[in-house]
Amino acid sequence: MTLSKVYISVKSQKLYLYPDESPWEFEVVVNREIIPVFQKLFDQLDSVEISNFWRAHIPIRKYHFDKENDQYDKRMKKLYALIHEFGDEESKNFVEQLPYFNPRRRETIEQNY
């Protein structure tokens, strides 16, 4: 099991193996097997964004009833959960400040293991 540092940019939806490739926001240490999970989430976010773009051109559909918005939020929560799990202390502190972070759920998970 080889651990690797990966640099995540949520803003540009990319991951980098080297810190000087491009600007990034989060540093995580993960198994090589986890890296494709980040990429898959970024691909899914991109797909949902395209759907949202096309939906935005339908004036009678209200965006707050749109399932694509929910899908986008769900993917972002998964992404930040991974960053929280594998990130450094600074990354964890940032994610814990997000409005949808639920510390009780994390405590429950930790107690079960």
PDB file of N, CA and C in Angstrom:
ATOM      1  N   MET A   1       0.847  -1.163   0.000  1.00  0.00           N
ATOM      2  CA  MET A   1       0.000   0.000   0.000  1.00  0.00           C
ATOM      3  C   MET A   1       0.903   1.241   0.000  1.00  0.00           C
ATOM      4  N   THR A   2       0.970   1.901  -1.131  1.00  0.00           N
ATOM      5  CA  THR A   2       1.810   3.076  -1.282  1.00  0.00           C
ATOM      6  C   THR A   2       0.969   4.335  -1.138  1.00  0.00           C
ATOM      7  N   LEU A   3       1.408   5.207  -0.253  1.00  0.00           N
ATOM      8  CA  LEU A   3       0.711   6.472  -0.078  1.00  0.00           C
ATOM      9  C   LEU A   3       1.362   7.530  -0.954  1.00  0.00           C
ATOM     10  N   SER A   4       0.527   8.374  -1.528  1.00  0.00           N
ATOM     11  CA  SER A   4       1.015   9.439  -2.403  1.00  0.00           C
ATOM     12  C   SER A   4       0.374  10.755  -2.012  1.00  0.00           C
ATOM     13  N   LYS A   5       1.154  11.823  -2.135  1.00  0.00           N
ATOM     14  CA  LYS A   5       0.582  13.149  -1.956  1.00  0.00           C
ATOM     15  C   LYS A   5      -0.059  13.557  -3.271  1.00  0.00           C
ATOM     16  N   VAL A   6      -1.273  14.072  -3.157  1.00  0.00           N
ATOM     17  CA  VAL A   6      -1.998  14.557  -4.323  1.00  0.00           C
ATOM     18  C   VAL A   6      -2.494  15.955  -3.965  1.00  0.00           C
ATOM     19  N   TYR A   7      -2.466  16.826  -4.936  1.00  0.00           N
ATOM     20  CA  TYR A   7      -2.855  18.212  -4.735  1.00  0.00           C
ATOM     21  C   TYR A   7      -4.152  18.448  -5.491  1.00  0.00           C
ATOM     22  N   ILE A   8      -5.172  18.874  -4.758  1.00  0.00           N
ATOM     23  CA  ILE A   8      -6.526  18.984  -5.294  1.00  0.00           C
ATOM     24  C   ILE A   8      -6.899  20.445  -5.498  1.00  0.00           C
ATOM     25  N   SER A   9      -7.439  20.737  -6.671  1.00  0.00           N
ATOM     26  CA  SER A   9      -8.017  22.049  -6.925  1.00  0.00           C
ATOM     27  C   SER A   9      -9.508  21.857  -7.180  1.00  0.00           C
ATOM     28  N   VAL A  10     -10.306  22.227  -6.205  1.00  0.00           N
ATOM     29  CA  VAL A  10     -11.756  22.129  -6.352  1.00  0.00           C
ATOM     30  C   VAL A  10     -12.220  23.178  -7.365  1.00  0.00           C
ATOM     31  N   LYS A  11     -11.591  24.335  -7.320  1.00  0.00           N
ATOM     32  CA  LYS A  11     -11.978  25.430  -8.210  1.00  0.00           C
ATOM     33  C   LYS A  11     -11.847  25.045  -9.680  1.00  0.00           C
ATOM     34  N   SER A  12     -10.735  24.412 -10.044  1.00  0.00           N
ATOM     35  CA  SER A  12     -10.547  24.018 -11.445  1.00  0.00           C
ATOM     36  C   SER A  12     -10.908  22.556 -11.690  1.00  0.00           C
ATOM     37  N   GLN A  13     -11.361  21.857 -10.646  1.00  0.00           N
ATOM     38  CA  GLN A  13     -11.770  20.456 -10.724  1.00  0.00           C
ATOM     39  C   GLN A  13     -10.679  19.581 -11.329  1.00  0.00           C
ATOM     40  N   LYS A  14      -9.490  19.688 -10.744  1.00  0.00           N
ATOM     41  CA  LYS A  14      -8.358  18.898 -11.204  1.00  0.00           C
ATOM     42  C   LYS A  14      -7.557  18.413 -10.016  1.00  0.00           C
ATOM     43  N   LEU A  15      -6.792  17.356 -10.257  1.00  0.00           N
ATOM     44  CA  LEU A  15      -5.843  16.903  -9.254  1.00  0.00           C
ATOM     45  C   LEU A  15      -4.459  16.848  -9.889  1.00  0.00           C
ATOM     46  N   TYR A  16      -3.484  17.088  -9.057  1.00  0.00           N
ATOM     47  CA  TYR A  16      -2.103  17.161  -9.528  1.00  0.00           C
ATOM     48  C   TYR A  16      -1.221  16.276  -8.667  1.00  0.00           C
ATOM     49  N   LEU A  17      -0.242  15.671  -9.296  1.00  0.00           N
ATOM     50  CA  LEU A  17       0.693  14.819  -8.565  1.00  0.00           C
ATOM     51  C   LEU A  17       1.904  15.604  -8.070  1.00  0.00           C
ATOM     52  N   TYR A  18       2.102  16.799  -8.618  1.00  0.00           N
ATOM     53  CA  TYR A  18       3.230  17.637  -8.224  1.00  0.00           C
ATOM     54  C   TYR A  18       2.707  19.006  -7.806  1.00  0.00           C
ATOM     55  N   PRO A  19       3.233  19.567  -6.727  1.00  0.00           N
ATOM     56  CA  PRO A  19       2.677  20.817  -6.203  1.00  0.00           C
ATOM     57  C   PRO A  19       2.892  22.031  -7.102  1.00  0.00           C
ATOM     58  N   ASP A  20       3.864  21.961  -8.003  1.00  0.00           N
ATOM     59  CA  ASP A  20       4.143  23.123  -8.837  1.00  0.00           C
ATOM     60  C   ASP A  20       3.518  23.034 -10.233  1.00  0.00           C
ATOM     61  N   GLU A  21       2.637  22.062 -10.442  1.00  0.00           N
ATOM     62  CA  GLU A  21       1.970  21.930 -11.744  1.00  0.00           C
ATOM     63  C   GLU A  21       0.997  23.076 -12.003  1.00  0.00           C
ATOM     64  N   SER A  22       0.268  23.440 -10.972  1.00  0.00           N
ATOM     65  CA  SER A  22      -0.760  24.458 -11.110  1.00  0.00           C
ATOM     66  C   SER A  22      -1.239  24.835  -9.705  1.00  0.00           C
ATOM     67  N   PRO A  23      -1.947  25.940  -9.563  1.00  0.00           N
ATOM     68  CA  PRO A  23      -2.472  26.276  -8.240  1.00  0.00           C
ATOM     69  C   PRO A  23      -3.446  25.216  -7.726  1.00  0.00           C
ATOM     70  N   TRP A  24      -3.405  24.948  -6.443  1.00  0.00           N
ATOM     71  CA  TRP A  24      -4.283  23.959  -5.823  1.00  0.00           C
ATOM     72  C   TRP A  24      -4.708  24.491  -4.456  1.00  0.00           C
ATOM     73  N   GLU A  25      -5.773  23.893  -3.903  1.00  0.00           N
ATOM     74  CA  GLU A  25      -6.284  24.330  -2.606  1.00  0.00           C
ATOM     75  C   GLU A  25      -6.014  23.339  -1.481  1.00  0.00           C
ATOM     76  N   PHE A  26      -5.975  22.040  -1.790  1.00  0.00           N
ATOM     77  CA  PHE A  26      -5.880  21.028  -0.742  1.00  0.00           C
ATOM     78  C   PHE A  26      -4.794  20.001  -1.061  1.00  0.00           C
ATOM     79  N   GLU A  27      -4.094  19.598  -0.020  1.00  0.00           N
ATOM     80  CA  GLU A  27      -3.115  18.519  -0.140  1.00  0.00           C
ATOM     81  C   GLU A  27      -3.664  17.312   0.614  1.00  0.00           C
ATOM     82  N   VAL A  28      -3.705  16.170  -0.047  1.00  0.00           N
ATOM     83  CA  VAL A  28      -4.184  14.944   0.582  1.00  0.00           C
ATOM     84  C   VAL A  28      -3.136  13.854   0.403  1.00  0.00           C
ATOM     85  N   VAL A  29      -3.128  12.908   1.322  1.00  0.00           N
ATOM     86  CA  VAL A  29      -2.247  11.758   1.232  1.00  0.00           C
ATOM     87  C   VAL A  29      -3.145  10.529   1.111  1.00  0.00           C
ATOM     88  N   VAL A  30      -3.077   9.867  -0.043  1.00  0.00           N
ATOM     89  CA  VAL A  30      -3.993   8.766  -0.340  1.00  0.00           C
ATOM     90  C   VAL A  30      -3.250   7.591  -0.962  1.00  0.00           C
ATOM     91  N   ASN A  31      -3.911   6.437  -0.937  1.00  0.00           N
ATOM     92  CA  ASN A  31      -3.444   5.289  -1.719  1.00  0.00           C
ATOM     93  C   ASN A  31      -3.639   5.602  -3.184  1.00  0.00           C
ATOM     94  N   ARG A  32      -2.858   5.009  -4.020  1.00  0.00           N
ATOM     95  CA  ARG A  32      -2.992   5.212  -5.467  1.00  0.00           C
ATOM     96  C   ARG A  32      -4.383   4.788  -5.954  1.00  0.00           C
ATOM     97  N   GLU A  33      -5.022   3.874  -5.239  1.00  0.00           N
ATOM     98  CA  GLU A  33      -6.337   3.373  -5.649  1.00  0.00           C
ATOM     99  C   GLU A  33      -7.435   4.416  -5.451  1.00  0.00           C
ATOM    100  N   ILE A  34      -7.204   5.388  -4.592  1.00  0.00           N
ATOM    101  CA  ILE A  34      -8.209   6.409  -4.297  1.00  0.00           C
ATOM    102  C   ILE A  34      -8.175   7.538  -5.331  1.00  0.00           C
ATOM    103  N   ILE A  35      -7.057   7.742  -5.973  1.00  0.00           N
ATOM    104  CA  ILE A  35      -6.911   8.850  -6.923  1.00  0.00           C
ATOM    105  C   ILE A  35      -7.990   8.831  -8.005  1.00  0.00           C
ATOM    106  N   PRO A  36      -8.320   7.681  -8.610  1.00  0.00           N
ATOM    107  CA  PRO A  36      -9.390   7.685  -9.612  1.00  0.00           C
ATOM    108  C   PRO A  36     -10.758   8.109  -9.068  1.00  0.00           C
ATOM    109  N   VAL A  37     -10.979   7.959  -7.776  1.00  0.00           N
ATOM    110  CA  VAL A  37     -12.250   8.373  -7.180  1.00  0.00           C
ATOM    111  C   VAL A  37     -12.391   9.893  -7.286  1.00  0.00           C
ATOM    112  N   PHE A  38     -11.312  10.612  -6.999  1.00  0.00           N
ATOM    113  CA  PHE A  38     -11.340  12.069  -7.155  1.00  0.00           C
ATOM    114  C   PHE A  38     -11.636  12.436  -8.603  1.00  0.00           C
ATOM    115  N   GLN A  39     -10.953  11.770  -9.528  1.00  0.00           N
ATOM    116  CA  GLN A  39     -11.146  12.085 -10.941  1.00  0.00           C
ATOM    117  C   GLN A  39     -12.576  11.787 -11.387  1.00  0.00           C
ATOM    118  N   LYS A  40     -13.133  10.687 -10.908  1.00  0.00           N
ATOM    119  CA  LYS A  40     -14.511  10.330 -11.266  1.00  0.00           C
ATOM    120  C   LYS A  40     -15.499  11.386 -10.743  1.00  0.00           C
ATOM    121  N   LEU A  41     -15.274  11.859  -9.516  1.00  0.00           N
ATOM    122  CA  LEU A  41     -16.143  12.912  -8.975  1.00  0.00           C
ATOM    123  C   LEU A  41     -16.035  14.192  -9.803  1.00  0.00           C
ATOM    124  N   PHE A  42     -14.828  14.544 -10.220  1.00  0.00           N
ATOM    125  CA  PHE A  42     -14.662  15.732 -11.062  1.00  0.00           C
ATOM    126  C   PHE A  42     -15.368  15.548 -12.398  1.00  0.00           C
ATOM    127  N   ASP A  43     -15.274  14.363 -12.975  1.00  0.00           N
ATOM    128  CA  ASP A  43     -15.970  14.091 -14.239  1.00  0.00           C
ATOM    129  C   ASP A  43     -17.480  14.193 -14.071  1.00  0.00           C
ATOM    130  N   GLN A  44     -17.994  13.661 -12.968  1.00  0.00           N
ATOM    131  CA  GLN A  44     -19.426  13.731 -12.699  1.00  0.00           C
ATOM    132  C   GLN A  44     -19.879  15.173 -12.483  1.00  0.00           C
ATOM    133  N   LEU A  45     -19.073  15.952 -11.776  1.00  0.00           N
ATOM    134  CA  LEU A  45     -19.406  17.364 -11.579  1.00  0.00           C
ATOM    135  C   LEU A  45     -19.462  18.097 -12.910  1.00  0.00           C
ATOM    136  N   ASP A  46     -18.523  17.800 -13.781  1.00  0.00           N
ATOM    137  CA  ASP A  46     -18.502  18.428 -15.093  1.00  0.00           C
ATOM    138  C   ASP A  46     -19.762  18.075 -15.885  1.00  0.00           C
ATOM    139  N   SER A  47     -20.160  16.825 -15.835  1.00  0.00           N
ATOM    140  CA  SER A  47     -21.356  16.376 -16.538  1.00  0.00           C
ATOM    141  C   SER A  47     -22.613  17.064 -16.004  1.00  0.00           C
ATOM    142  N   VAL A  48     -22.697  17.177 -14.683  1.00  0.00           N
ATOM    143  CA  VAL A  48     -23.859  17.832 -14.072  1.00  0.00           C
ATOM    144  C   VAL A  48     -23.871  19.324 -14.421  1.00  0.00           C
ATOM    145  N   GLU A  49     -22.706  19.947 -14.472  1.00  0.00           N
ATOM    146  CA  GLU A  49     -22.644  21.363 -14.845  1.00  0.00           C
ATOM    147  C   GLU A  49     -23.167  21.586 -16.262  1.00  0.00           C
ATOM    148  N   ILE A  50     -22.848  20.681 -17.159  1.00  0.00           N
ATOM    149  CA  ILE A  50     -23.344  20.793 -18.534  1.00  0.00           C
ATOM    150  C   ILE A  50     -24.870  20.666 -18.551  1.00  0.00           C
ATOM    151  N   SER A  51     -25.398  19.720 -17.790  1.00  0.00           N
ATOM    152  CA  SER A  51     -26.859  19.573 -17.693  1.00  0.00           C
ATOM    153  C   SER A  51     -27.500  20.835 -17.130  1.00  0.00           C
ATOM    154  N   ASN A  52     -26.853  21.411 -16.127  1.00  0.00           N
ATOM    155  CA  ASN A  52     -27.370  22.647 -15.534  1.00  0.00           C
ATOM    156  C   ASN A  52     -27.355  23.791 -16.535  1.00  0.00           C
ATOM    157  N   PHE A  53     -26.342  23.839 -17.361  1.00  0.00           N
ATOM    158  CA  PHE A  53     -26.272  24.884 -18.387  1.00  0.00           C
ATOM    159  C   PHE A  53     -27.470  24.795 -19.320  1.00  0.00           C
ATOM    160  N   TRP A  54     -27.763  23.581 -19.796  1.00  0.00           N
ATOM    161  CA  TRP A  54     -28.888  23.424 -20.725  1.00  0.00           C
ATOM    162  C   TRP A  54     -30.223  23.668 -20.031  1.00  0.00           C
ATOM    163  N   ARG A  55     -30.340  23.243 -18.791  1.00  0.00           N
ATOM    164  CA  ARG A  55     -31.571  23.470 -18.036  1.00  0.00           C
ATOM    165  C   ARG A  55     -31.809  24.961 -17.816  1.00  0.00           C
ATOM    166  N   ALA A  56     -30.740  25.731 -17.670  1.00  0.00           N
ATOM    167  CA  ALA A  56     -30.882  27.167 -17.422  1.00  0.00           C
ATOM    168  C   ALA A  56     -31.551  27.889 -18.584  1.00  0.00           C
ATOM    169  N   HIS A  57     -31.598  27.263 -19.735  1.00  0.00           N
ATOM    170  CA  HIS A  57     -32.210  27.887 -20.901  1.00  0.00           C
ATOM    171  C   HIS A  57     -33.693  27.541 -21.060  1.00  0.00           C
ATOM    172  N   ILE A  58     -34.241  26.864 -20.076  1.00  0.00           N
ATOM    173  CA  ILE A  58     -35.668  26.550 -20.077  1.00  0.00           C
ATOM    174  C   ILE A  58     -36.320  27.454 -19.028  1.00  0.00           C
ATOM    175  N   PRO A  59     -36.966  28.525 -19.457  1.00  0.00           N
ATOM    176  CA  PRO A  59     -37.437  29.535 -18.502  1.00  0.00           C
ATOM    177  C   PRO A  59     -38.530  29.070 -17.543  1.00  0.00           C
ATOM    178  N   ILE A  60     -39.312  28.073 -17.902  1.00  0.00           N
ATOM    179  CA  ILE A  60     -40.416  27.678 -17.027  1.00  0.00           C
ATOM    180  C   ILE A  60     -39.985  26.707 -15.926  1.00  0.00           C
ATOM    181  N   ARG A  61     -38.765  26.185 -16.013  1.00  0.00           N
ATOM    182  CA  ARG A  61     -38.272  25.260 -14.983  1.00  0.00           C
ATOM    183  C   ARG A  61     -37.532  26.029 -13.913  1.00  0.00           C
ATOM    184  N   LYS A  62     -38.025  25.980 -12.716  1.00  0.00           N
ATOM    185  CA  LYS A  62     -37.397  26.700 -11.610  1.00  0.00           C
ATOM    186  C   LYS A  62     -36.190  25.909 -11.114  1.00  0.00           C
ATOM    187  N   TYR A  63     -35.070  26.605 -10.952  1.00  0.00           N
ATOM    188  CA  TYR A  63     -33.818  25.935 -10.626  1.00  0.00           C
ATOM    189  C   TYR A  63     -33.840  25.274  -9.251  1.00  0.00           C
ATOM    190  N   HIS A  64     -34.581  25.816  -8.298  1.00  0.00           N
ATOM    191  CA  HIS A  64     -34.574  25.243  -6.957  1.00  0.00           C
ATOM    192  C   HIS A  64     -35.386  23.941  -6.873  1.00  0.00           C
ATOM    193  N   PHE A  65     -36.080  23.574  -7.934  1.00  0.00           N
ATOM    194  CA  PHE A  65     -36.752  22.276  -7.985  1.00  0.00           C
ATOM    195  C   PHE A  65     -36.014  21.315  -8.918  1.00  0.00           C
ATOM    196  N   ASP A  66     -34.809  21.657  -9.259  1.00  0.00           N
ATOM    197  CA  ASP A  66     -34.059  20.926 -10.264  1.00  0.00           C
ATOM    198  C   ASP A  66     -33.202  19.836  -9.633  1.00  0.00           C
ATOM    199  N   LYS A  67     -33.364  18.610 -10.089  1.00  0.00           N
ATOM    200  CA  LYS A  67     -32.602  17.491  -9.532  1.00  0.00           C
ATOM    201  C   LYS A  67     -31.117  17.590  -9.863  1.00  0.00           C
ATOM    202  N   GLU A  68     -30.759  18.275 -10.951  1.00  0.00           N
ATOM    203  CA  GLU A  68     -29.344  18.422 -11.288  1.00  0.00           C
ATOM    204  C   GLU A  68     -28.608  19.242 -10.229  1.00  0.00           C
ATOM    205  N   ASN A  69     -29.276  20.239  -9.668  1.00  0.00           N
ATOM    206  CA  ASN A  69     -28.647  21.002  -8.582  1.00  0.00           C
ATOM    207  C   ASN A  69     -28.375  20.110  -7.383  1.00  0.00           C
ATOM    208  N   ASP A  70     -29.314  19.231  -7.069  1.00  0.00           N
ATOM    209  CA  ASP A  70     -29.122  18.299  -5.964  1.00  0.00           C
ATOM    210  C   ASP A  70     -27.967  17.344  -6.246  1.00  0.00           C
ATOM    211  N   GLN A  71     -27.861  16.899  -7.497  1.00  0.00           N
ATOM    212  CA  GLN A  71     -26.766  16.000  -7.870  1.00  0.00           C
ATOM    213  C   GLN A  71     -25.418  16.705  -7.736  1.00  0.00           C
ATOM    214  N   TYR A  72     -25.366  17.964  -8.121  1.00  0.00           N
ATOM    215  CA  TYR A  72     -24.128  18.734  -7.998  1.00  0.00           C
ATOM    216  C   TYR A  72     -23.735  18.852  -6.519  1.00  0.00           C
ATOM    217  N   ASP A  73     -24.693  19.214  -5.677  1.00  0.00           N
ATOM    218  CA  ASP A  73     -24.422  19.350  -4.245  1.00  0.00           C
ATOM    219  C   ASP A  73     -23.958  18.030  -3.645  1.00  0.00           C
ATOM    220  N   LYS A  74     -24.594  16.948  -4.045  1.00  0.00           N
ATOM    221  CA  LYS A  74     -24.232  15.626  -3.528  1.00  0.00           C
ATOM    222  C   LYS A  74     -22.782  15.283  -3.878  1.00  0.00           C
ATOM    223  N   ARG A  75     -22.375  15.566  -5.117  1.00  0.00           N
ATOM    224  CA  ARG A  75     -20.995  15.281  -5.541  1.00  0.00           C
ATOM    225  C   ARG A  75     -19.993  16.154  -4.794  1.00  0.00           C
ATOM    226  N   MET A  76     -20.360  17.417  -4.584  1.00  0.00           N
ATOM    227  CA  MET A  76     -19.457  18.317  -3.853  1.00  0.00           C
ATOM    228  C   MET A  76     -19.286  17.853  -2.403  1.00  0.00           C
ATOM    229  N   LYS A  77     -20.350  17.398  -1.792  1.00  0.00           N
ATOM    230  CA  LYS A  77     -20.255  16.884  -0.429  1.00  0.00           C
ATOM    231  C   LYS A  77     -19.347  15.664  -0.372  1.00  0.00           C
ATOM    232  N   LYS A  78     -19.464  14.782  -1.366  1.00  0.00           N
ATOM    233  CA  LYS A  78     -18.587  13.608  -1.420  1.00  0.00           C
ATOM    234  C   LYS A  78     -17.133  14.015  -1.592  1.00  0.00           C
ATOM    235  N   LEU A  79     -16.907  14.996  -2.439  1.00  0.00           N
ATOM    236  CA  LEU A  79     -15.557  15.477  -2.677  1.00  0.00           C
ATOM    237  C   LEU A  79     -14.947  16.047  -1.400  1.00  0.00           C
ATOM    238  N   TYR A  80     -15.701  16.892  -0.713  1.00  0.00           N
ATOM    239  CA  TYR A  80     -15.187  17.472   0.527  1.00  0.00           C
ATOM    240  C   TYR A  80     -15.058  16.426   1.635  1.00  0.00           C
ATOM    241  N   ALA A  81     -15.883  15.397   1.617  1.00  0.00           N
ATOM    242  CA  ALA A  81     -15.732  14.313   2.595  1.00  0.00           C
ATOM    243  C   ALA A  81     -14.410  13.583   2.370  1.00  0.00           C
ATOM    244  N   LEU A  82     -14.054  13.340   1.115  1.00  0.00           N
ATOM    245  CA  LEU A  82     -12.765  12.708   0.813  1.00  0.00           C
ATOM    246  C   LEU A  82     -11.607  13.613   1.224  1.00  0.00           C
ATOM    247  N   ILE A  83     -11.732  14.892   0.949  1.00  0.00           N
ATOM    248  CA  ILE A  83     -10.677  15.833   1.338  1.00  0.00           C
ATOM    249  C   ILE A  83     -10.537  15.841   2.853  1.00  0.00           C
ATOM    250  N   HIS A  84     -11.648  15.796   3.558  1.00  0.00           N
ATOM    251  CA  HIS A  84     -11.608  15.776   5.025  1.00  0.00           C
ATOM    252  C   HIS A  84     -10.951  14.491   5.516  1.00  0.00           C
ATOM    253  N   GLU A  85     -11.269  13.392   4.902  1.00  0.00           N
ATOM    254  CA  GLU A  85     -10.740  12.102   5.351  1.00  0.00           C
ATOM    255  C   GLU A  85      -9.238  11.971   5.122  1.00  0.00           C
ATOM    256  N   PHE A  86      -8.763  12.427   3.985  1.00  0.00           N
ATOM    257  CA  PHE A  86      -7.365  12.210   3.625  1.00  0.00           C
ATOM    258  C   PHE A  86      -6.504  13.471   3.698  1.00  0.00           C
ATOM    259  N   GLY A  87      -7.094  14.598   4.029  1.00  0.00           N
ATOM    260  CA  GLY A  87      -6.366  15.858   4.021  1.00  0.00           C
ATOM    261  C   GLY A  87      -5.558  16.096   5.281  1.00  0.00           C
ATOM    262  N   ASP A  88      -4.744  17.147   5.216  1.00  0.00           N
ATOM    263  CA  ASP A  88      -3.959  17.555   6.373  1.00  0.00           C
ATOM    264  C   ASP A  88      -4.868  18.315   7.346  1.00  0.00           C
ATOM    265  N   GLU A  89      -4.303  18.769   8.443  1.00  0.00           N
ATOM    266  CA  GLU A  89      -5.086  19.441   9.481  1.00  0.00           C
ATOM    267  C   GLU A  89      -5.762  20.701   8.954  1.00  0.00           C
ATOM    268  N   GLU A  90      -5.060  21.458   8.140  1.00  0.00           N
ATOM    269  CA  GLU A  90      -5.633  22.686   7.583  1.00  0.00           C
ATOM    270  C   GLU A  90      -6.849  22.376   6.709  1.00  0.00           C
ATOM    271  N   SER A  91      -6.747  21.322   5.905  1.00  0.00           N
ATOM    272  CA  SER A  91      -7.863  20.923   5.045  1.00  0.00           C
ATOM    273  C   SER A  91      -9.050  20.463   5.878  1.00  0.00           C
ATOM    274  N   LYS A  92      -8.779  19.673   6.897  1.00  0.00           N
ATOM    275  CA  LYS A  92      -9.861  19.193   7.762  1.00  0.00           C
ATOM    276  C   LYS A  92     -10.570  20.350   8.444  1.00  0.00           C
ATOM    277  N   ASN A  93      -9.787  21.312   8.934  1.00  0.00           N
ATOM    278  CA  ASN A  93     -10.388  22.472   9.596  1.00  0.00           C
ATOM    279  C   ASN A  93     -11.265  23.261   8.638  1.00  0.00           C
ATOM    280  N   PHE A  94     -10.820  23.410   7.396  1.00  0.00           N
ATOM    281  CA  PHE A  94     -11.622  24.133   6.410  1.00  0.00           C
ATOM    282  C   PHE A  94     -12.945  23.415   6.167  1.00  0.00           C
ATOM    283  N   VAL A  95     -12.885  22.111   5.932  1.00  0.00           N
ATOM    284  CA  VAL A  95     -14.103  21.346   5.627  1.00  0.00           C
ATOM    285  C   VAL A  95     -15.059  21.375   6.806  1.00  0.00           C
ATOM    286  N   GLU A  96     -14.533  21.336   8.012  1.00  0.00           N
ATOM    287  CA  GLU A  96     -15.390  21.368   9.195  1.00  0.00           C
ATOM    288  C   GLU A  96     -16.120  22.702   9.350  1.00  0.00           C
ATOM    289  N   GLN A  97     -15.640  23.741   8.690  1.00  0.00           N
ATOM    290  CA  GLN A  97     -16.302  25.042   8.739  1.00  0.00           C
ATOM    291  C   GLN A  97     -17.420  25.170   7.712  1.00  0.00           C
ATOM    292  N   LEU A  98     -17.513  24.236   6.793  1.00  0.00           N
ATOM    293  CA  LEU A  98     -18.558  24.296   5.768  1.00  0.00           C
ATOM    294  C   LEU A  98     -19.924  24.073   6.406  1.00  0.00           C
ATOM    295  N   PRO A  99     -20.962  24.719   5.888  1.00  0.00           N
ATOM    296  CA  PRO A  99     -22.276  24.653   6.541  1.00  0.00           C
ATOM    297  C   PRO A  99     -22.895  23.264   6.565  1.00  0.00           C
ATOM    298  N   TYR A 100     -22.557  22.401   5.646  1.00  0.00           N
ATOM    299  CA  TYR A 100     -23.196  21.085   5.627  1.00  0.00           C
ATOM    300  C   TYR A 100     -22.370  20.012   6.310  1.00  0.00           C
ATOM    301  N   PHE A 101     -21.250  20.374   6.929  1.00  0.00           N
ATOM    302  CA  PHE A 101     -20.458  19.385   7.665  1.00  0.00           C
ATOM    303  C   PHE A 101     -21.195  19.005   8.936  1.00  0.00           C
ATOM    304  N   ASN A 102     -21.295  17.705   9.192  1.00  0.00           N
ATOM    305  CA  ASN A 102     -22.027  17.205  10.346  1.00  0.00           C
ATOM    306  C   ASN A 102     -21.069  16.426  11.241  1.00  0.00           C
ATOM    307  N   PRO A 103     -20.533  17.052  12.306  1.00  0.00           N
ATOM    308  CA  PRO A 103     -19.568  16.354  13.156  1.00  0.00           C
ATOM    309  C   PRO A 103     -20.168  15.176  13.914  1.00  0.00           C
ATOM    310  N   ARG A 104     -21.448  15.194  14.203  1.00  0.00           N
ATOM    311  CA  ARG A 104     -22.056  14.073  14.926  1.00  0.00           C
ATOM    312  C   ARG A 104     -22.006  12.797  14.103  1.00  0.00           C
ATOM    313  N   ARG A 105     -22.201  12.914  12.817  1.00  0.00           N
ATOM    314  CA  ARG A 105     -22.148  11.729  11.954  1.00  0.00           C
ATOM    315  C   ARG A 105     -20.737  11.139  11.965  1.00  0.00           C
ATOM    316  N   ARG A 106     -19.735  11.991  11.910  1.00  0.00           N
ATOM    317  CA  ARG A 106     -18.349  11.517  11.941  1.00  0.00           C
ATOM    318  C   ARG A 106     -18.062  10.820  13.266  1.00  0.00           C
ATOM    319  N   GLU A 107     -18.529  11.388  14.385  1.00  0.00           N
ATOM    320  CA  GLU A 107     -18.319  10.763  15.691  1.00  0.00           C
ATOM    321  C   GLU A 107     -18.983   9.395  15.747  1.00  0.00           C
ATOM    322  N   THR A 108     -20.156   9.264  15.171  1.00  0.00           N
ATOM    323  CA  THR A 108     -20.858   7.982  15.146  1.00  0.00           C
ATOM    324  C   THR A 108     -20.069   6.953  14.352  1.00  0.00           C
ATOM    325  N   ILE A 109     -19.540   7.365  13.222  1.00  0.00           N
ATOM    326  CA  ILE A 109     -18.756   6.453  12.387  1.00  0.00           C
ATOM    327  C   ILE A 109     -17.504   6.001  13.147  1.00  0.00           C
ATOM    328  N   GLU A 110     -16.825   6.931  13.819  1.00  0.00           N
ATOM    329  CA  GLU A 110     -15.608   6.593  14.550  1.00  0.00           C
ATOM    330  C   GLU A 110     -15.894   5.648  15.705  1.00  0.00           C
ATOM    331  N   GLN A 111     -17.048   5.810  16.355  1.00  0.00           N
ATOM    332  CA  GLN A 111     -17.392   4.945  17.486  1.00  0.00           C
ATOM    333  C   GLN A 111     -17.662   3.514  17.016  1.00  0.00           C
ATOM    334  N   ASN A 112     -18.142   3.356  15.795  1.00  0.00           N
ATOM    335  CA  ASN A 112     -18.446   2.018  15.283  1.00  0.00           C
ATOM    336  C   ASN A 112     -17.201   1.247  14.871  1.00  0.00           C
ATOM    337  N   TYR A 113     -16.075   1.931  14.750  1.00  0.00           N
ATOM    338  CA  TYR A 113     -14.844   1.250  14.324  1.00  0.00           C
ATOM    339  C   TYR A 113     -13.838   1.152  15.406  1.00  0.00           C
TER     340      TYR A 113
END
